[in-house]
């Protein structure tokens, strides 16, 4: 297998994005936001970084839809359980 250099350029670009997102995640703490927006920003950056790693470094670009369904179903279950707990949290007395 001959390496043309395109893969190296892609990996360096993705590494740069991951480094930039790491710095953005750390700098979010300097914004002095409320807890909820802070957590949303941090988790958004974490999800983007995870997607970059999964897609580029774990070589899942060519996987079928089934692999994404397997990963998505637990996320949907967690969101569903969290939504079911909202009335208990919001209307707690």
N, C-alpha and C. Protein backbone atom coordinates (compact mmCIF):
# COMPACT_ATOMS: atom_id res chain seq x y z
N UNK A 1 0.84 -1.17 0.00
CA UNK A 1 0.00 0.00 0.00
C UNK A 1 0.89 1.24 0.00
N UNK A 2 0.68 2.11 -0.95
CA UNK A 2 1.50 3.30 -1.11
C UNK A 2 0.81 4.47 -0.41
N UNK A 3 1.55 5.19 0.38
CA UNK A 3 1.02 6.36 1.07
C UNK A 3 1.27 7.58 0.19
N UNK A 4 0.19 8.25 -0.20
CA UNK A 4 0.33 9.40 -1.10
C UNK A 4 0.53 10.71 -0.35
N UNK A 5 0.38 10.70 0.95
CA UNK A 5 0.54 11.93 1.71
C UNK A 5 -0.78 12.61 2.00
N UNK A 6 -1.84 12.25 1.29
CA UNK A 6 -3.15 12.86 1.54
C UNK A 6 -3.68 12.46 2.90
N UNK A 7 -3.42 11.20 3.31
CA UNK A 7 -3.86 10.76 4.62
C UNK A 7 -3.16 11.54 5.72
N UNK A 8 -1.86 11.79 5.53
CA UNK A 8 -1.11 12.53 6.54
C UNK A 8 -1.66 13.95 6.69
N UNK A 9 -1.97 14.58 5.59
CA UNK A 9 -2.52 15.93 5.63
C UNK A 9 -3.87 15.95 6.34
N UNK A 10 -4.69 14.93 6.07
CA UNK A 10 -6.00 14.83 6.72
C UNK A 10 -5.84 14.65 8.22
N UNK A 11 -4.93 13.76 8.62
CA UNK A 11 -4.73 13.52 10.06
C UNK A 11 -4.19 14.76 10.76
N UNK A 12 -3.33 15.49 10.11
CA UNK A 12 -2.80 16.71 10.72
C UNK A 12 -3.89 17.77 10.83
N UNK A 13 -4.74 17.86 9.81
CA UNK A 13 -5.86 18.81 9.87
C UNK A 13 -6.82 18.46 11.00
N UNK A 14 -7.17 17.19 11.11
CA UNK A 14 -8.08 16.76 12.18
C UNK A 14 -7.43 16.99 13.54
N UNK A 15 -6.14 16.71 13.64
CA UNK A 15 -5.44 16.96 14.89
C UNK A 15 -5.49 18.45 15.25
N UNK A 16 -5.33 19.31 14.25
CA UNK A 16 -5.43 20.75 14.49
C UNK A 16 -6.81 21.15 14.99
N UNK A 17 -7.84 20.58 14.37
CA UNK A 17 -9.21 20.85 14.84
C UNK A 17 -9.40 20.37 16.27
N UNK A 18 -8.90 19.18 16.59
CA UNK A 18 -9.03 18.66 17.95
C UNK A 18 -8.29 19.54 18.95
N UNK A 19 -7.12 20.02 18.58
CA UNK A 19 -6.37 20.92 19.45
C UNK A 19 -7.13 22.23 19.66
N UNK A 20 -7.68 22.78 18.56
CA UNK A 20 -8.46 24.01 18.68
C UNK A 20 -9.70 23.83 19.54
N UNK A 21 -10.37 22.69 19.39
CA UNK A 21 -11.55 22.43 20.21
C UNK A 21 -11.18 22.20 21.67
N UNK A 22 -10.01 21.61 21.91
CA UNK A 22 -9.54 21.46 23.29
C UNK A 22 -9.33 22.83 23.93
N UNK A 23 -8.68 23.71 23.20
CA UNK A 23 -8.44 25.06 23.72
C UNK A 23 -9.77 25.79 23.92
N UNK A 24 -10.71 25.62 22.98
CA UNK A 24 -12.03 26.26 23.13
C UNK A 24 -12.75 25.72 24.35
N UNK A 25 -12.64 24.41 24.59
CA UNK A 25 -13.29 23.83 25.77
C UNK A 25 -12.72 24.36 27.07
N UNK A 26 -11.41 24.58 27.09
CA UNK A 26 -10.78 25.13 28.30
C UNK A 26 -11.13 26.61 28.46
N UNK A 27 -11.17 27.35 27.36
CA UNK A 27 -11.46 28.78 27.44
C UNK A 27 -12.92 29.07 27.77
N UNK A 28 -13.79 28.09 27.62
CA UNK A 28 -15.20 28.30 27.95
C UNK A 28 -15.34 28.69 29.42
N UNK A 29 -14.43 28.16 30.26
CA UNK A 29 -14.50 28.48 31.68
C UNK A 29 -14.20 29.94 31.97
N UNK A 30 -13.53 30.64 31.08
CA UNK A 30 -13.21 32.04 31.31
C UNK A 30 -14.39 32.96 30.99
N UNK A 31 -15.45 32.41 30.40
CA UNK A 31 -16.61 33.23 30.04
C UNK A 31 -17.50 33.57 31.23
N UNK A 32 -17.34 32.85 32.34
CA UNK A 32 -18.13 33.08 33.56
C UNK A 32 -19.63 33.03 33.26
N UNK A 33 -20.05 31.96 32.61
CA UNK A 33 -21.46 31.76 32.30
C UNK A 33 -22.15 31.04 33.45
N UNK A 34 -23.47 31.01 33.38
CA UNK A 34 -24.24 30.22 34.33
C UNK A 34 -23.94 28.74 34.09
N UNK A 35 -24.35 27.91 35.01
CA UNK A 35 -23.98 26.50 34.95
C UNK A 35 -24.53 25.79 33.72
N UNK A 36 -25.80 25.98 33.41
CA UNK A 36 -26.42 25.25 32.29
C UNK A 36 -25.79 25.63 30.95
N UNK A 37 -25.66 26.92 30.60
CA UNK A 37 -25.01 27.23 29.31
C UNK A 37 -23.56 26.75 29.26
N UNK A 38 -22.88 26.79 30.39
CA UNK A 38 -21.50 26.31 30.45
C UNK A 38 -21.44 24.81 30.14
N UNK A 39 -22.32 24.04 30.76
CA UNK A 39 -22.35 22.61 30.50
C UNK A 39 -22.74 22.29 29.06
N UNK A 40 -23.68 23.05 28.52
CA UNK A 40 -24.09 22.83 27.13
C UNK A 40 -22.92 23.08 26.18
N UNK A 41 -22.18 24.15 26.40
CA UNK A 41 -21.03 24.44 25.55
C UNK A 41 -19.93 23.38 25.67
N UNK A 42 -19.66 22.96 26.90
CA UNK A 42 -18.61 21.97 27.10
C UNK A 42 -18.99 20.64 26.46
N UNK A 43 -20.24 20.21 26.65
CA UNK A 43 -20.66 18.94 26.08
C UNK A 43 -20.76 19.03 24.55
N UNK A 44 -21.11 20.18 24.02
CA UNK A 44 -21.15 20.33 22.57
C UNK A 44 -19.75 20.18 21.98
N UNK A 45 -18.78 20.82 22.60
CA UNK A 45 -17.40 20.69 22.14
C UNK A 45 -16.94 19.24 22.27
N UNK A 46 -17.31 18.58 23.36
CA UNK A 46 -16.91 17.18 23.55
C UNK A 46 -17.53 16.26 22.51
N UNK A 47 -18.78 16.50 22.16
CA UNK A 47 -19.45 15.67 21.14
C UNK A 47 -18.80 15.88 19.78
N UNK A 48 -18.45 17.11 19.45
CA UNK A 48 -17.79 17.39 18.17
C UNK A 48 -16.43 16.70 18.12
N UNK A 49 -15.67 16.77 19.22
CA UNK A 49 -14.37 16.10 19.26
C UNK A 49 -14.53 14.59 19.14
N UNK A 50 -15.50 14.02 19.83
CA UNK A 50 -15.73 12.58 19.74
C UNK A 50 -16.11 12.17 18.32
N UNK A 51 -16.94 12.98 17.67
CA UNK A 51 -17.34 12.66 16.30
C UNK A 51 -16.14 12.70 15.36
N UNK A 52 -15.25 13.68 15.55
CA UNK A 52 -14.04 13.75 14.72
C UNK A 52 -13.15 12.53 14.92
N UNK A 53 -12.96 12.14 16.17
CA UNK A 53 -12.11 10.98 16.46
C UNK A 53 -12.74 9.71 15.90
N UNK A 54 -14.02 9.52 16.14
CA UNK A 54 -14.70 8.31 15.66
C UNK A 54 -14.64 8.23 14.14
N UNK A 55 -14.91 9.33 13.50
CA UNK A 55 -15.02 9.31 12.04
C UNK A 55 -13.66 9.18 11.34
N UNK A 56 -12.63 9.80 11.89
CA UNK A 56 -11.36 9.85 11.19
C UNK A 56 -10.31 8.89 11.73
N UNK A 57 -10.22 8.74 13.03
CA UNK A 57 -9.17 7.90 13.58
C UNK A 57 -9.62 6.47 13.81
N UNK A 58 -10.91 6.23 13.94
CA UNK A 58 -11.40 4.86 14.12
C UNK A 58 -11.85 4.26 12.79
N UNK A 59 -11.66 5.00 11.72
CA UNK A 59 -11.93 4.52 10.36
C UNK A 59 -13.37 4.05 10.17
N UNK A 60 -14.32 4.82 10.66
CA UNK A 60 -15.73 4.47 10.50
C UNK A 60 -16.41 5.26 9.39
N UNK A 61 -15.64 5.86 8.50
CA UNK A 61 -16.23 6.62 7.40
C UNK A 61 -17.07 5.74 6.49
N UNK A 62 -16.63 4.53 6.26
CA UNK A 62 -17.29 3.67 5.29
C UNK A 62 -18.28 2.69 5.93
N UNK A 63 -18.54 2.84 7.20
CA UNK A 63 -19.47 1.92 7.85
C UNK A 63 -20.90 2.19 7.41
N UNK A 64 -21.69 1.17 7.52
CA UNK A 64 -23.09 1.28 7.12
C UNK A 64 -23.89 2.01 8.19
N UNK A 65 -25.13 2.24 7.88
CA UNK A 65 -26.02 2.97 8.77
C UNK A 65 -26.25 2.19 10.06
N UNK A 66 -26.12 0.89 10.02
CA UNK A 66 -26.36 0.06 11.21
C UNK A 66 -25.44 0.43 12.36
N UNK A 67 -24.19 0.74 12.08
CA UNK A 67 -23.27 1.09 13.16
C UNK A 67 -23.69 2.40 13.84
N UNK A 68 -24.24 3.33 13.05
CA UNK A 68 -24.71 4.58 13.64
C UNK A 68 -26.01 4.35 14.42
N UNK A 69 -26.83 3.44 13.97
CA UNK A 69 -28.05 3.11 14.70
C UNK A 69 -27.71 2.46 16.04
N UNK A 70 -26.70 1.60 16.03
CA UNK A 70 -26.28 0.95 17.27
C UNK A 70 -25.77 1.98 18.26
N UNK A 71 -25.08 2.98 17.78
CA UNK A 71 -24.57 4.03 18.67
C UNK A 71 -25.66 5.03 19.05
N UNK A 72 -26.63 5.24 18.18
CA UNK A 72 -27.67 6.24 18.43
C UNK A 72 -28.77 5.80 19.37
N UNK A 73 -29.07 4.51 19.39
CA UNK A 73 -30.16 4.03 20.23
C UNK A 73 -29.91 4.29 21.72
N UNK A 74 -28.72 4.02 22.27
CA UNK A 74 -28.49 4.36 23.68
C UNK A 74 -28.60 5.86 23.96
N UNK A 75 -28.18 6.68 23.01
CA UNK A 75 -28.30 8.13 23.20
C UNK A 75 -29.78 8.52 23.28
N UNK A 76 -30.61 7.96 22.41
CA UNK A 76 -32.04 8.25 22.45
C UNK A 76 -32.67 7.77 23.75
N UNK A 77 -32.25 6.62 24.25
CA UNK A 77 -32.78 6.12 25.52
C UNK A 77 -32.39 7.03 26.68
N UNK A 78 -31.16 7.50 26.69
CA UNK A 78 -30.72 8.41 27.75
C UNK A 78 -31.50 9.72 27.69
N UNK A 79 -31.68 10.26 26.48
CA UNK A 79 -32.47 11.49 26.34
C UNK A 79 -33.90 11.27 26.79
N UNK A 80 -34.48 10.13 26.44
CA UNK A 80 -35.84 9.83 26.86
C UNK A 80 -35.97 9.75 28.37
N UNK A 81 -35.01 9.10 29.02
CA UNK A 81 -35.05 9.01 30.48
C UNK A 81 -34.86 10.38 31.12
N UNK A 82 -34.00 11.20 30.54
CA UNK A 82 -33.78 12.55 31.08
C UNK A 82 -35.05 13.39 30.93
N UNK A 83 -35.72 13.26 29.80
CA UNK A 83 -36.96 14.02 29.60
C UNK A 83 -38.06 13.55 30.55
N UNK A 84 -38.08 12.27 30.89
CA UNK A 84 -39.08 11.79 31.83
C UNK A 84 -38.83 12.31 33.24
N UNK A 85 -37.60 12.67 33.56
CA UNK A 85 -37.28 13.17 34.90
C UNK A 85 -37.51 14.67 35.04
N UNK A 86 -37.69 15.38 33.94
CA UNK A 86 -37.85 16.84 34.00
C UNK A 86 -39.01 17.27 34.90
N UNK A 87 -40.20 16.65 34.82
CA UNK A 87 -41.28 17.09 35.72
C UNK A 87 -40.91 16.94 37.20
N UNK A 88 -40.20 15.88 37.57
CA UNK A 88 -39.79 15.72 38.96
C UNK A 88 -38.80 16.78 39.39
N UNK A 89 -37.91 17.17 38.47
CA UNK A 89 -36.90 18.17 38.81
C UNK A 89 -37.49 19.56 38.84
N UNK A 90 -38.34 19.88 37.86
CA UNK A 90 -38.88 21.24 37.74
C UNK A 90 -39.92 21.51 38.82
N UNK A 91 -40.77 20.55 39.09
CA UNK A 91 -41.88 20.76 40.02
C UNK A 91 -41.58 20.22 41.41
N UNK A 92 -40.30 20.07 41.73
CA UNK A 92 -39.92 19.61 43.05
C UNK A 92 -40.25 20.69 44.08
N UNK A 93 -40.84 20.27 45.18
CA UNK A 93 -41.22 21.26 46.21
C UNK A 93 -40.42 21.06 47.46
